[in-house]
Amino acid sequence: MKKLEEIVSLVPDLNRADLDRWLRDALIEAEEREGGPRLSDLQVARVQLICALRYDMDVEEETLPVVLDLIDQLHATRERLFRLSQAVLAQDEEVRDAVLTMLGRSGARR
């Protein structure tokens, strides 16, 4: 968990006003701790992503929530796909082969 001041000093180009606005707009989430709000490593990575989008790719401030929501959806879909693949792998060979066969057929229809 990192204090907001630490994050500002660690992330190039980040200023406190932007960080405070992103917190206020719920683009990132801080945990209230003794001594003030702190960000988890995951939230620090999200700050770095937002900085890349905003400062390096010139994504408009008003567009950030939409872009982040799409990225969040993509990550959630990836996680569900991983869990599904793990469930298929846990099945016996006959079921795995049937699933692979169906996947092969669905890919051929395109």
PDB file of N, CA and C in Angstrom:
ATOM      1  N   MET A   1       0.845  -1.182   0.000  1.00  0.00           N
ATOM      2  CA  MET A   1       0.000   0.000   0.000  1.00  0.00           C
ATOM      3  C   MET A   1       0.889   1.243   0.000  1.00  0.00           C
ATOM      4  N   LYS A   2       0.569   2.134  -0.900  1.00  0.00           N
ATOM      5  CA  LYS A   2       1.380   3.334  -1.025  1.00  0.00           C
ATOM      6  C   LYS A   2       0.541   4.580  -0.742  1.00  0.00           C
ATOM      7  N   LYS A   3       1.176   5.536  -0.081  1.00  0.00           N
ATOM      8  CA  LYS A   3       0.544   6.831   0.149  1.00  0.00           C
ATOM      9  C   LYS A   3       0.477   7.580  -1.168  1.00  0.00           C
ATOM     10  N   LEU A   4      -0.459   8.509  -1.260  1.00  0.00           N
ATOM     11  CA  LEU A   4      -0.629   9.280  -2.486  1.00  0.00           C
ATOM     12  C   LEU A   4       0.622  10.070  -2.841  1.00  0.00           C
ATOM     13  N   GLU A   5       1.298  10.613  -1.844  1.00  0.00           N
ATOM     14  CA  GLU A   5       2.523  11.382  -2.097  1.00  0.00           C
ATOM     15  C   GLU A   5       3.603  10.493  -2.711  1.00  0.00           C
ATOM     16  N   GLU A   6       3.677   9.239  -2.249  1.00  0.00           N
ATOM     17  CA  GLU A   6       4.653   8.304  -2.807  1.00  0.00           C
ATOM     18  C   GLU A   6       4.371   8.047  -4.279  1.00  0.00           C
ATOM     19  N   ILE A   7       3.108   7.879  -4.597  1.00  0.00           N
ATOM     20  CA  ILE A   7       2.722   7.575  -5.971  1.00  0.00           C
ATOM     21  C   ILE A   7       3.071   8.728  -6.894  1.00  0.00           C
ATOM     22  N   VAL A   8       2.786   9.944  -6.442  1.00  0.00           N
ATOM     23  CA  VAL A   8       3.106  11.122  -7.254  1.00  0.00           C
ATOM     24  C   VAL A   8       4.604  11.187  -7.524  1.00  0.00           C
ATOM     25  N   SER A   9       5.414  10.829  -6.535  1.00  0.00           N
ATOM     26  CA  SER A   9       6.867  10.888  -6.731  1.00  0.00           C
ATOM     27  C   SER A   9       7.380   9.720  -7.577  1.00  0.00           C
ATOM     28  N   LEU A  10       6.651   8.609  -7.604  1.00  0.00           N
ATOM     29  CA  LEU A  10       7.099   7.431  -8.350  1.00  0.00           C
ATOM     30  C   LEU A  10       6.688   7.429  -9.814  1.00  0.00           C
ATOM     31  N   VAL A  11       5.556   8.048 -10.115  1.00  0.00           N
ATOM     32  CA  VAL A  11       4.999   7.976 -11.474  1.00  0.00           C
ATOM     33  C   VAL A  11       5.363   9.241 -12.236  1.00  0.00           C
ATOM     34  N   PRO A  12       6.134   9.084 -13.311  1.00  0.00           N
ATOM     35  CA  PRO A  12       6.535  10.259 -14.093  1.00  0.00           C
ATOM     36  C   PRO A  12       5.320  11.017 -14.639  1.00  0.00           C
ATOM     37  N   ASP A  13       5.408  12.322 -14.641  1.00  0.00           N
ATOM     38  CA  ASP A  13       4.395  13.241 -15.166  1.00  0.00           C
ATOM     39  C   ASP A  13       3.126  13.344 -14.323  1.00  0.00           C
ATOM     40  N   LEU A  14       2.957  12.500 -13.335  1.00  0.00           N
ATOM     41  CA  LEU A  14       1.747  12.545 -12.514  1.00  0.00           C
ATOM     42  C   LEU A  14       1.796  13.726 -11.562  1.00  0.00           C
ATOM     43  N   ASN A  15       0.683  14.450 -11.492  1.00  0.00           N
ATOM     44  CA  ASN A  15       0.603  15.526 -10.497  1.00  0.00           C
ATOM     45  C   ASN A  15      -0.547  15.214  -9.537  1.00  0.00           C
ATOM     46  N   ARG A  16      -0.482  15.801  -8.380  1.00  0.00           N
ATOM     47  CA  ARG A  16      -1.435  15.498  -7.308  1.00  0.00           C
ATOM     48  C   ARG A  16      -2.856  15.881  -7.696  1.00  0.00           C
ATOM     49  N   ALA A  17      -3.027  16.962  -8.443  1.00  0.00           N
ATOM     50  CA  ALA A  17      -4.377  17.396  -8.836  1.00  0.00           C
ATOM     51  C   ALA A  17      -5.057  16.328  -9.690  1.00  0.00           C
ATOM     52  N   ASP A  18      -4.320  15.761 -10.640  1.00  0.00           N
ATOM     53  CA  ASP A  18      -4.886  14.696 -11.475  1.00  0.00           C
ATOM     54  C   ASP A  18      -5.236  13.479 -10.620  1.00  0.00           C
ATOM     55  N   LEU A  19      -4.327  13.091  -9.752  1.00  0.00           N
ATOM     56  CA  LEU A  19      -4.560  11.927  -8.895  1.00  0.00           C
ATOM     57  C   LEU A  19      -5.803  12.138  -8.027  1.00  0.00           C
ATOM     58  N   ASP A  20      -5.929  13.313  -7.444  1.00  0.00           N
ATOM     59  CA  ASP A  20      -7.098  13.617  -6.611  1.00  0.00           C
ATOM     60  C   ASP A  20      -8.390  13.575  -7.440  1.00  0.00           C
ATOM     61  N   ARG A  21      -8.337  14.090  -8.657  1.00  0.00           N
ATOM     62  CA  ARG A  21      -9.521  14.082  -9.530  1.00  0.00           C
ATOM     63  C   ARG A  21      -9.909  12.652  -9.901  1.00  0.00           C
ATOM     64  N   TRP A  22      -8.924  11.813 -10.204  1.00  0.00           N
ATOM     65  CA  TRP A  22      -9.213  10.425 -10.567  1.00  0.00           C
ATOM     66  C   TRP A  22      -9.799   9.660  -9.389  1.00  0.00           C
ATOM     67  N   LEU A  23      -9.343   9.986  -8.188  1.00  0.00           N
ATOM     68  CA  LEU A  23      -9.947   9.401  -6.982  1.00  0.00           C
ATOM     69  C   LEU A  23     -11.392   9.874  -6.828  1.00  0.00           C
ATOM     70  N   ARG A  24     -11.608  11.156  -6.973  1.00  0.00           N
ATOM     71  CA  ARG A  24     -12.939  11.745  -6.830  1.00  0.00           C
ATOM     72  C   ARG A  24     -13.906  11.179  -7.878  1.00  0.00           C
ATOM     73  N   ASP A  25     -13.390  10.966  -9.095  1.00  0.00           N
ATOM     74  CA  ASP A  25     -14.213  10.443 -10.191  1.00  0.00           C
ATOM     75  C   ASP A  25     -14.316   8.917 -10.170  1.00  0.00           C
ATOM     76  N   ALA A  26     -13.708   8.292  -9.162  1.00  0.00           N
ATOM     77  CA  ALA A  26     -13.742   6.834  -8.966  1.00  0.00           C
ATOM     78  C   ALA A  26     -13.089   6.061 -10.108  1.00  0.00           C
ATOM     79  N   LEU A  27     -12.095   6.668 -10.747  1.00  0.00           N
ATOM     80  CA  LEU A  27     -11.316   5.935 -11.747  1.00  0.00           C
ATOM     81  C   LEU A  27     -10.319   5.014 -11.059  1.00  0.00           C
ATOM     82  N   ILE A  28      -9.930   5.396  -9.852  1.00  0.00           N
ATOM     83  CA  ILE A  28      -9.084   4.564  -8.998  1.00  0.00           C
ATOM     84  C   ILE A  28      -9.706   4.552  -7.605  1.00  0.00           C
ATOM     85  N   GLU A  29      -9.350   3.539  -6.826  1.00  0.00           N
ATOM     86  CA  GLU A  29      -9.927   3.392  -5.492  1.00  0.00           C
ATOM     87  C   GLU A  29      -8.811   3.348  -4.451  1.00  0.00           C
ATOM     88  N   ALA A  30      -8.971   4.170  -3.434  1.00  0.00           N
ATOM     89  CA  ALA A  30      -8.010   4.194  -2.333  1.00  0.00           C
ATOM     90  C   ALA A  30      -8.652   3.552  -1.110  1.00  0.00           C
ATOM     91  N   GLU A  31      -7.820   2.985  -0.271  1.00  0.00           N
ATOM     92  CA  GLU A  31      -8.271   2.458   1.015  1.00  0.00           C
ATOM     93  C   GLU A  31      -7.890   3.470   2.084  1.00  0.00           C
ATOM     94  N   GLU A  32      -8.858   3.804   2.906  1.00  0.00           N
ATOM     95  CA  GLU A  32      -8.580   4.734   3.997  1.00  0.00           C
ATOM     96  C   GLU A  32      -7.828   3.988   5.090  1.00  0.00           C
ATOM     97  N   ARG A  33      -6.679   4.509   5.436  1.00  0.00           N
ATOM     98  CA  ARG A  33      -5.833   3.932   6.480  1.00  0.00           C
ATOM     99  C   ARG A  33      -5.425   5.028   7.441  1.00  0.00           C
ATOM    100  N   GLU A  34      -4.849   4.601   8.527  1.00  0.00           N
ATOM    101  CA  GLU A  34      -4.295   5.581   9.453  1.00  0.00           C
ATOM    102  C   GLU A  34      -3.210   6.346   8.710  1.00  0.00           C
ATOM    103  N   GLY A  35      -3.275   7.643   8.747  1.00  0.00           N
ATOM    104  CA  GLY A  35      -2.301   8.448   8.038  1.00  0.00           C
ATOM    105  C   GLY A  35      -2.754   8.844   6.641  1.00  0.00           C
ATOM    106  N   GLY A  36      -3.977   8.484   6.262  1.00  0.00           N
ATOM    107  CA  GLY A  36      -4.502   8.918   4.974  1.00  0.00           C
ATOM    108  C   GLY A  36      -4.743   7.787   3.997  1.00  0.00           C
ATOM    109  N   PRO A  37      -5.277   8.141   2.832  1.00  0.00           N
ATOM    110  CA  PRO A  37      -5.609   7.130   1.831  1.00  0.00           C
ATOM    111  C   PRO A  37      -4.359   6.478   1.243  1.00  0.00           C
ATOM    112  N   ARG A  38      -4.516   5.204   0.884  1.00  0.00           N
ATOM    113  CA  ARG A  38      -3.413   4.455   0.283  1.00  0.00           C
ATOM    114  C   ARG A  38      -3.943   3.635  -0.886  1.00  0.00           C
ATOM    115  N   LEU A  39      -3.053   3.394  -1.834  1.00  0.00           N
ATOM    116  CA  LEU A  39      -3.412   2.608  -3.007  1.00  0.00           C
ATOM    117  C   LEU A  39      -2.679   1.283  -2.996  1.00  0.00           C
ATOM    118  N   SER A  40      -3.392   0.244  -3.380  1.00  0.00           N
ATOM    119  CA  SER A  40      -2.791  -1.079  -3.525  1.00  0.00           C
ATOM    120  C   SER A  40      -1.899  -1.083  -4.764  1.00  0.00           C
ATOM    121  N   ASP A  41      -1.109  -2.133  -4.902  1.00  0.00           N
ATOM    122  CA  ASP A  41      -0.257  -2.259  -6.087  1.00  0.00           C
ATOM    123  C   ASP A  41      -1.096  -2.284  -7.359  1.00  0.00           C
ATOM    124  N   LEU A  42      -2.259  -2.932  -7.289  1.00  0.00           N
ATOM    125  CA  LEU A  42      -3.155  -2.976  -8.449  1.00  0.00           C
ATOM    126  C   LEU A  42      -3.633  -1.577  -8.825  1.00  0.00           C
ATOM    127  N   GLN A  43      -3.989  -0.779  -7.833  1.00  0.00           N
ATOM    128  CA  GLN A  43      -4.445   0.585  -8.104  1.00  0.00           C
ATOM    129  C   GLN A  43      -3.305   1.479  -8.583  1.00  0.00           C
ATOM    130  N   VAL A  44      -2.094   1.237  -8.086  1.00  0.00           N
ATOM    131  CA  VAL A  44      -0.926   1.986  -8.585  1.00  0.00           C
ATOM    132  C   VAL A  44      -0.714   1.659 -10.064  1.00  0.00           C
ATOM    133  N   ALA A  45      -0.857   0.395 -10.429  1.00  0.00           N
ATOM    134  CA  ALA A  45      -0.744   0.004 -11.841  1.00  0.00           C
ATOM    135  C   ALA A  45      -1.831   0.683 -12.668  1.00  0.00           C
ATOM    136  N   ARG A  46      -3.024   0.812 -12.093  1.00  0.00           N
ATOM    137  CA  ARG A  46      -4.117   1.490 -12.793  1.00  0.00           C
ATOM    138  C   ARG A  46      -3.783   2.972 -12.991  1.00  0.00           C
ATOM    139  N   VAL A  47      -3.168   3.598 -11.988  1.00  0.00           N
ATOM    140  CA  VAL A  47      -2.732   4.989 -12.129  1.00  0.00           C
ATOM    141  C   VAL A  47      -1.735   5.096 -13.282  1.00  0.00           C
ATOM    142  N   GLN A  48      -0.801   4.150 -13.360  1.00  0.00           N
ATOM    143  CA  GLN A  48       0.183   4.167 -14.440  1.00  0.00           C
ATOM    144  C   GLN A  48      -0.500   3.996 -15.799  1.00  0.00           C
ATOM    145  N   LEU A  49      -1.510   3.140 -15.866  1.00  0.00           N
ATOM    146  CA  LEU A  49      -2.267   2.971 -17.103  1.00  0.00           C
ATOM    147  C   LEU A  49      -2.982   4.268 -17.470  1.00  0.00           C
ATOM    148  N   ILE A  50      -3.626   4.883 -16.506  1.00  0.00           N
ATOM    149  CA  ILE A  50      -4.335   6.145 -16.763  1.00  0.00           C
ATOM    150  C   ILE A  50      -3.352   7.209 -17.242  1.00  0.00           C
ATOM    151  N   CYS A  51      -2.182   7.265 -16.627  1.00  0.00           N
ATOM    152  CA  CYS A  51      -1.163   8.227 -17.058  1.00  0.00           C
ATOM    153  C   CYS A  51      -0.747   7.972 -18.505  1.00  0.00           C
ATOM    154  N   ALA A  52      -0.554   6.710 -18.857  1.00  0.00           N
ATOM    155  CA  ALA A  52      -0.188   6.379 -20.236  1.00  0.00           C
ATOM    156  C   ALA A  52      -1.297   6.795 -21.194  1.00  0.00           C
ATOM    157  N   LEU A  53      -2.534   6.499 -20.823  1.00  0.00           N
ATOM    158  CA  LEU A  53      -3.664   6.879 -21.679  1.00  0.00           C
ATOM    159  C   LEU A  53      -3.773   8.387 -21.817  1.00  0.00           C
ATOM    160  N   ARG A  54      -3.674   9.075 -20.694  1.00  0.00           N
ATOM    161  CA  ARG A  54      -3.897  10.522 -20.674  1.00  0.00           C
ATOM    162  C   ARG A  54      -2.718  11.310 -21.233  1.00  0.00           C
ATOM    163  N   TYR A  55      -1.528  11.006 -20.753  1.00  0.00           N
ATOM    164  CA  TYR A  55      -0.367  11.827 -21.106  1.00  0.00           C
ATOM    165  C   TYR A  55       0.330  11.354 -22.384  1.00  0.00           C
ATOM    166  N   ASP A  56       0.454  10.044 -22.568  1.00  0.00           N
ATOM    167  CA  ASP A  56       1.189   9.530 -23.730  1.00  0.00           C
ATOM    168  C   ASP A  56       0.304   9.377 -24.964  1.00  0.00           C
ATOM    169  N   MET A  57      -0.944   8.955 -24.759  1.00  0.00           N
ATOM    170  CA  MET A  57      -1.841   8.698 -25.893  1.00  0.00           C
ATOM    171  C   MET A  57      -2.869   9.808 -26.097  1.00  0.00           C
ATOM    172  N   ASP A  58      -2.814  10.830 -25.257  1.00  0.00           N
ATOM    173  CA  ASP A  58      -3.705  11.992 -25.352  1.00  0.00           C
ATOM    174  C   ASP A  58      -5.188  11.637 -25.334  1.00  0.00           C
ATOM    175  N   VAL A  59      -5.559  10.619 -24.562  1.00  0.00           N
ATOM    176  CA  VAL A  59      -6.978  10.298 -24.385  1.00  0.00           C
ATOM    177  C   VAL A  59      -7.589  11.414 -23.548  1.00  0.00           C
ATOM    178  N   GLU A  60      -8.688  11.965 -24.020  1.00  0.00           N
ATOM    179  CA  GLU A  60      -9.342  13.069 -23.320  1.00  0.00           C
ATOM    180  C   GLU A  60      -9.835  12.632 -21.942  1.00  0.00           C
ATOM    181  N   GLU A  61      -9.821  13.552 -21.013  1.00  0.00           N
ATOM    182  CA  GLU A  61     -10.252  13.279 -19.638  1.00  0.00           C
ATOM    183  C   GLU A  61     -11.677  12.710 -19.603  1.00  0.00           C
ATOM    184  N   GLU A  62     -12.558  13.262 -20.424  1.00  0.00           N
ATOM    185  CA  GLU A  62     -13.951  12.813 -20.448  1.00  0.00           C
ATOM    186  C   GLU A  62     -14.095  11.402 -21.004  1.00  0.00           C
ATOM    187  N   THR A  63     -13.114  10.948 -21.785  1.00  0.00           N
ATOM    188  CA  THR A  63     -13.155   9.632 -22.414  1.00  0.00           C
ATOM    189  C   THR A  63     -12.557   8.547 -21.521  1.00  0.00           C
ATOM    190  N   LEU A  64     -11.769   8.933 -20.549  1.00  0.00           N
ATOM    191  CA  LEU A  64     -11.096   7.958 -19.683  1.00  0.00           C
ATOM    192  C   LEU A  64     -12.044   6.930 -19.059  1.00  0.00           C
ATOM    193  N   PRO A  65     -13.191   7.342 -18.505  1.00  0.00           N
ATOM    194  CA  PRO A  65     -14.073   6.333 -17.908  1.00  0.00           C
ATOM    195  C   PRO A  65     -14.535   5.269 -18.905  1.00  0.00           C
ATOM    196  N   VAL A  66     -14.794   5.673 -20.118  1.00  0.00           N
ATOM    197  CA  VAL A  66     -15.242   4.719 -21.143  1.00  0.00           C
ATOM    198  C   VAL A  66     -14.116   3.757 -21.493  1.00  0.00           C
ATOM    199  N   VAL A  67     -12.936   4.283 -21.722  1.00  0.00           N
ATOM    200  CA  VAL A  67     -11.787   3.443 -22.075  1.00  0.00           C
ATOM    201  C   VAL A  67     -11.459   2.478 -20.934  1.00  0.00           C
ATOM    202  N   LEU A  68     -11.454   2.975 -19.709  1.00  0.00           N
ATOM    203  CA  LEU A  68     -11.156   2.118 -18.559  1.00  0.00           C
ATOM    204  C   LEU A  68     -12.221   1.048 -18.364  1.00  0.00           C
ATOM    205  N   ASP A  69     -13.494   1.405 -18.594  1.00  0.00           N
ATOM    206  CA  ASP A  69     -14.560   0.418 -18.488  1.00  0.00           C
ATOM    207  C   ASP A  69     -14.373  -0.694 -19.523  1.00  0.00           C
ATOM    208  N   LEU A  70     -14.011  -0.338 -20.734  1.00  0.00           N
ATOM    209  CA  LEU A  70     -13.766  -1.344 -21.769  1.00  0.00           C
ATOM    210  C   LEU A  70     -12.576  -2.238 -21.411  1.00  0.00           C
ATOM    211  N   ILE A  71     -11.533  -1.648 -20.876  1.00  0.00           N
ATOM    212  CA  ILE A  71     -10.372  -2.431 -20.441  1.00  0.00           C
ATOM    213  C   ILE A  71     -10.765  -3.359 -19.295  1.00  0.00           C
ATOM    214  N   ASP A  72     -11.559  -2.854 -18.354  1.00  0.00           N
ATOM    215  CA  ASP A  72     -12.031  -3.695 -17.238  1.00  0.00           C
ATOM    216  C   ASP A  72     -12.869  -4.868 -17.755  1.00  0.00           C
ATOM    217  N   GLN A  73     -13.728  -4.606 -18.731  1.00  0.00           N
ATOM    218  CA  GLN A  73     -14.539  -5.674 -19.314  1.00  0.00           C
ATOM    219  C   GLN A  73     -13.661  -6.715 -20.003  1.00  0.00           C
ATOM    220  N   LEU A  74     -12.648  -6.255 -20.700  1.00  0.00           N
ATOM    221  CA  LEU A  74     -11.729  -7.169 -21.371  1.00  0.00           C
ATOM    222  C   LEU A  74     -11.006  -8.053 -20.356  1.00  0.00           C
ATOM    223  N   HIS A  75     -10.543  -7.470 -19.271  1.00  0.00           N
ATOM    224  CA  HIS A  75      -9.866  -8.250 -18.231  1.00  0.00           C
ATOM    225  C   HIS A  75     -10.812  -9.258 -17.580  1.00  0.00           C
ATOM    226  N   ALA A  76     -12.056  -8.844 -17.338  1.00  0.00           N
ATOM    227  CA  ALA A  76     -13.035  -9.753 -16.737  1.00  0.00           C
ATOM    228  C   ALA A  76     -13.336 -10.918 -17.686  1.00  0.00           C
ATOM    229  N   THR A  77     -13.450 -10.627 -18.966  1.00  0.00           N
ATOM    230  CA  THR A  77     -13.696 -11.680 -19.955  1.00  0.00           C
ATOM    231  C   THR A  77     -12.509 -12.625 -20.021  1.00  0.00           C
ATOM    232  N   ARG A  78     -11.337 -12.087 -19.985  1.00  0.00           N
ATOM    233  CA  ARG A  78     -10.127 -12.919 -19.999  1.00  0.00           C
ATOM    234  C   ARG A  78     -10.095 -13.842 -18.780  1.00  0.00           C
ATOM    235  N   GLU A  79     -10.443 -13.320 -17.621  1.00  0.00           N
ATOM    236  CA  GLU A  79     -10.470 -14.122 -16.398  1.00  0.00           C
ATOM    237  C   GLU A  79     -11.512 -15.235 -16.494  1.00  0.00           C
ATOM    238  N   ARG A  80     -12.704 -14.914 -17.018  1.00  0.00           N
ATOM    239  CA  ARG A  80     -13.743 -15.941 -17.185  1.00  0.00           C
ATOM    240  C   ARG A  80     -13.306 -17.015 -18.165  1.00  0.00           C
ATOM    241  N   LEU A  81     -12.656 -16.619 -19.244  1.00  0.00           N
ATOM    242  CA  LEU A  81     -12.162 -17.580 -20.230  1.00  0.00           C
ATOM    243  C   LEU A  81     -11.100 -18.488 -19.620  1.00  0.00           C
ATOM    244  N   PHE A  82     -10.228 -17.924 -18.799  1.00  0.00           N
ATOM    245  CA  PHE A  82      -9.211 -18.722 -18.126  1.00  0.00           C
ATOM    246  C   PHE A  82      -9.863 -19.748 -17.209  1.00  0.00           C
ATOM    247  N   ARG A  83     -10.847 -19.307 -16.417  1.00  0.00           N
ATOM    248  CA  ARG A  83     -11.535 -20.230 -15.506  1.00  0.00           C
ATOM    249  C   ARG A  83     -12.273 -21.328 -16.275  1.00  0.00           C
ATOM    250  N   LEU A  84     -12.883 -20.955 -17.380  1.00  0.00           N
ATOM    251  CA  LEU A  84     -13.568 -21.944 -18.209  1.00  0.00           C
ATOM    252  C   LEU A  84     -12.580 -22.960 -18.767  1.00  0.00           C
ATOM    253  N   SER A  85     -11.439 -22.489 -19.234  1.00  0.00           N
ATOM    254  CA  SER A  85     -10.431 -23.415 -19.768  1.00  0.00           C
ATOM    255  C   SER A  85      -9.907 -24.344 -18.680  1.00  0.00           C
ATOM    256  N   GLN A  86      -9.756 -23.826 -17.460  1.00  0.00           N
ATOM    257  CA  GLN A  86      -9.323 -24.680 -16.353  1.00  0.00           C
ATOM    258  C   GLN A  86     -10.381 -25.736 -16.027  1.00  0.00           C
ATOM    259  N   ALA A  87     -11.643 -25.358 -16.105  1.00  0.00           N
ATOM    260  CA  ALA A  87     -12.727 -26.323 -15.849  1.00  0.00           C
ATOM    261  C   ALA A  87     -12.752 -27.399 -16.921  1.00  0.00           C
ATOM    262  N   VAL A  88     -12.527 -27.020 -18.173  1.00  0.00           N
ATOM    263  CA  VAL A  88     -12.498 -28.002 -19.263  1.00  0.00           C
ATOM    264  C   VAL A  88     -11.310 -28.941 -19.084  1.00  0.00           C
ATOM    265  N   LEU A  89     -10.160 -28.385 -18.736  1.00  0.00           N
ATOM    266  CA  LEU A  89      -8.974 -29.225 -18.538  1.00  0.00           C
ATOM    267  C   LEU A  89      -9.144 -30.215 -17.389  1.00  0.00           C
ATOM    268  N   ALA A  90      -9.995 -29.888 -16.425  1.00  0.00           N
ATOM    269  CA  ALA A  90     -10.219 -30.769 -15.279  1.00  0.00           C
ATOM    270  C   ALA A  90     -11.144 -31.942 -15.626  1.00  0.00           C
ATOM    271  N   GLN A  91     -11.748 -31.900 -16.796  1.00  0.00           N
ATOM    272  CA  GLN A  91     -12.673 -32.965 -17.205  1.00  0.00           C
ATOM    273  C   GLN A  91     -11.890 -34.157 -17.770  1.00  0.00           C
ATOM    274  N   ASP A  92     -12.606 -35.261 -17.920  1.00  0.00           N
ATOM    275  CA  ASP A  92     -11.944 -36.434 -18.495  1.00  0.00           C
ATOM    276  C   ASP A  92     -11.683 -36.204 -19.988  1.00  0.00           C
ATOM    277  N   GLU A  93     -10.895 -37.070 -20.566  1.00  0.00           N
ATOM    278  CA  GLU A  93     -10.430 -36.907 -21.948  1.00  0.00           C
ATOM    279  C   GLU A  93     -11.585 -36.824 -22.940  1.00  0.00           C
ATOM    280  N   GLU A  94     -12.621 -37.594 -22.722  1.00  0.00           N
ATOM    281  CA  GLU A  94     -13.759 -37.602 -23.649  1.00  0.00           C
ATOM    282  C   GLU A  94     -14.433 -36.227 -23.700  1.00  0.00           C
ATOM    283  N   VAL A  95     -14.625 -35.634 -22.535  1.00  0.00           N
ATOM    284  CA  VAL A  95     -15.255 -34.315 -22.477  1.00  0.00           C
ATOM    285  C   VAL A  95     -14.328 -33.264 -23.104  1.00  0.00           C
ATOM    286  N   ARG A  96     -13.042 -33.311 -22.780  1.00  0.00           N
ATOM    287  CA  ARG A  96     -12.086 -32.353 -23.371  1.00  0.00           C
ATOM    288  C   ARG A  96     -12.098 -32.452 -24.887  1.00  0.00           C
ATOM    289  N   ASP A  97     -12.079 -33.694 -25.405  1.00  0.00           N
ATOM    290  CA  ASP A  97     -12.091 -33.881 -26.862  1.00  0.00           C
ATOM    291  C   ASP A  97     -13.379 -33.332 -27.475  1.00  0.00           C
ATOM    292  N   ALA A  98     -14.503 -33.543 -26.802  1.00  0.00           N
ATOM    293  CA  ALA A  98     -15.780 -33.035 -27.316  1.00  0.00           C
ATOM    294  C   ALA A  98     -15.769 -31.505 -27.363  1.00  0.00           C
ATOM    295  N   VAL A  99     -15.237 -30.883 -26.324  1.00  0.00           N
ATOM    296  CA  VAL A  99     -15.171 -29.419 -26.296  1.00  0.00           C
ATOM    297  C   VAL A  99     -14.260 -28.912 -27.408  1.00  0.00           C
ATOM    298  N   LEU A 100     -13.104 -29.526 -27.565  1.00  0.00           N
ATOM    299  CA  LEU A 100     -12.178 -29.111 -28.629  1.00  0.00           C
ATOM    300  C   LEU A 100     -12.782 -29.304 -30.005  1.00  0.00           C
ATOM    301  N   THR A 101     -13.527 -30.382 -30.175  1.00  0.00           N
ATOM    302  CA  THR A 101     -14.196 -30.624 -31.450  1.00  0.00           C
ATOM    303  C   THR A 101     -15.214 -29.522 -31.722  1.00  0.00           C
ATOM    304  N   MET A 102     -16.000 -29.175 -30.716  1.00  0.00           N
ATOM    305  CA  MET A 102     -16.998 -28.109 -30.885  1.00  0.00           C
ATOM    306  C   MET A 102     -16.329 -26.767 -31.167  1.00  0.00           C
ATOM    307  N   LEU A 103     -15.231 -26.497 -30.521  1.00  0.00           N
ATOM    308  CA  LEU A 103     -14.513 -25.249 -30.774  1.00  0.00           C
ATOM    309  C   LEU A 103     -13.992 -25.206 -32.197  1.00  0.00           C
ATOM    310  N   GLY A 104     -13.512 -26.352 -32.684  1.00  0.00           N
ATOM    311  CA  GLY A 104     -13.036 -26.437 -34.055  1.00  0.00           C
ATOM    312  C   GLY A 104     -14.143 -26.198 -35.050  1.00  0.00           C
ATOM    313  N   ARG A 105     -15.322 -26.721 -34.758  1.00  0.00           N
ATOM    314  CA  ARG A 105     -16.481 -26.525 -35.644  1.00  0.00           C
ATOM    315  C   ARG A 105     -16.939 -25.084 -35.645  1.00  0.00           C
ATOM    316  N   SER A 106     -16.977 -24.453 -34.483  1.00  0.00           N
ATOM    317  CA  SER A 106     -17.454 -23.071 -34.430  1.00  0.00           C
ATOM    318  C   SER A 106     -16.479 -22.147 -35.152  1.00  0.00           C
ATOM    319  N   GLY A 107     -15.194 -22.471 -35.085  1.00  0.00           N
ATOM    320  CA  GLY A 107     -14.201 -21.647 -35.803  1.00  0.00           C
ATOM    321  C   GLY A 107     -14.318 -21.820 -37.303  1.00  0.00           C
ATOM    322  N   ALA A 108     -14.763 -23.007 -37.764  1.00  0.00           N
ATOM    323  CA  ALA A 108     -14.874 -23.266 -39.199  1.00  0.00           C
ATOM    324  C   ALA A 108     -16.072 -22.535 -39.806  1.00  0.00           C
ATOM    325  N   ARG A 109     -17.079 -22.201 -39.003  1.00  0.00           N
ATOM    326  CA  ARG A 109     -18.286 -21.530 -39.514  1.00  0.00           C
ATOM    327  C   ARG A 109     -18.038 -20.089 -39.898  1.00  0.00           C
ATOM    328  N   ARG A 110     -17.038 -19.504 -39.379  1.00  0.00           N
ATOM    329  CA  ARG A 110     -16.791 -18.078 -39.632  1.00  0.00           C
ATOM    330  C   ARG A 110     -16.369 -17.881 -40.998  1.00  0.00           C
TER     331      ARG A 110
END
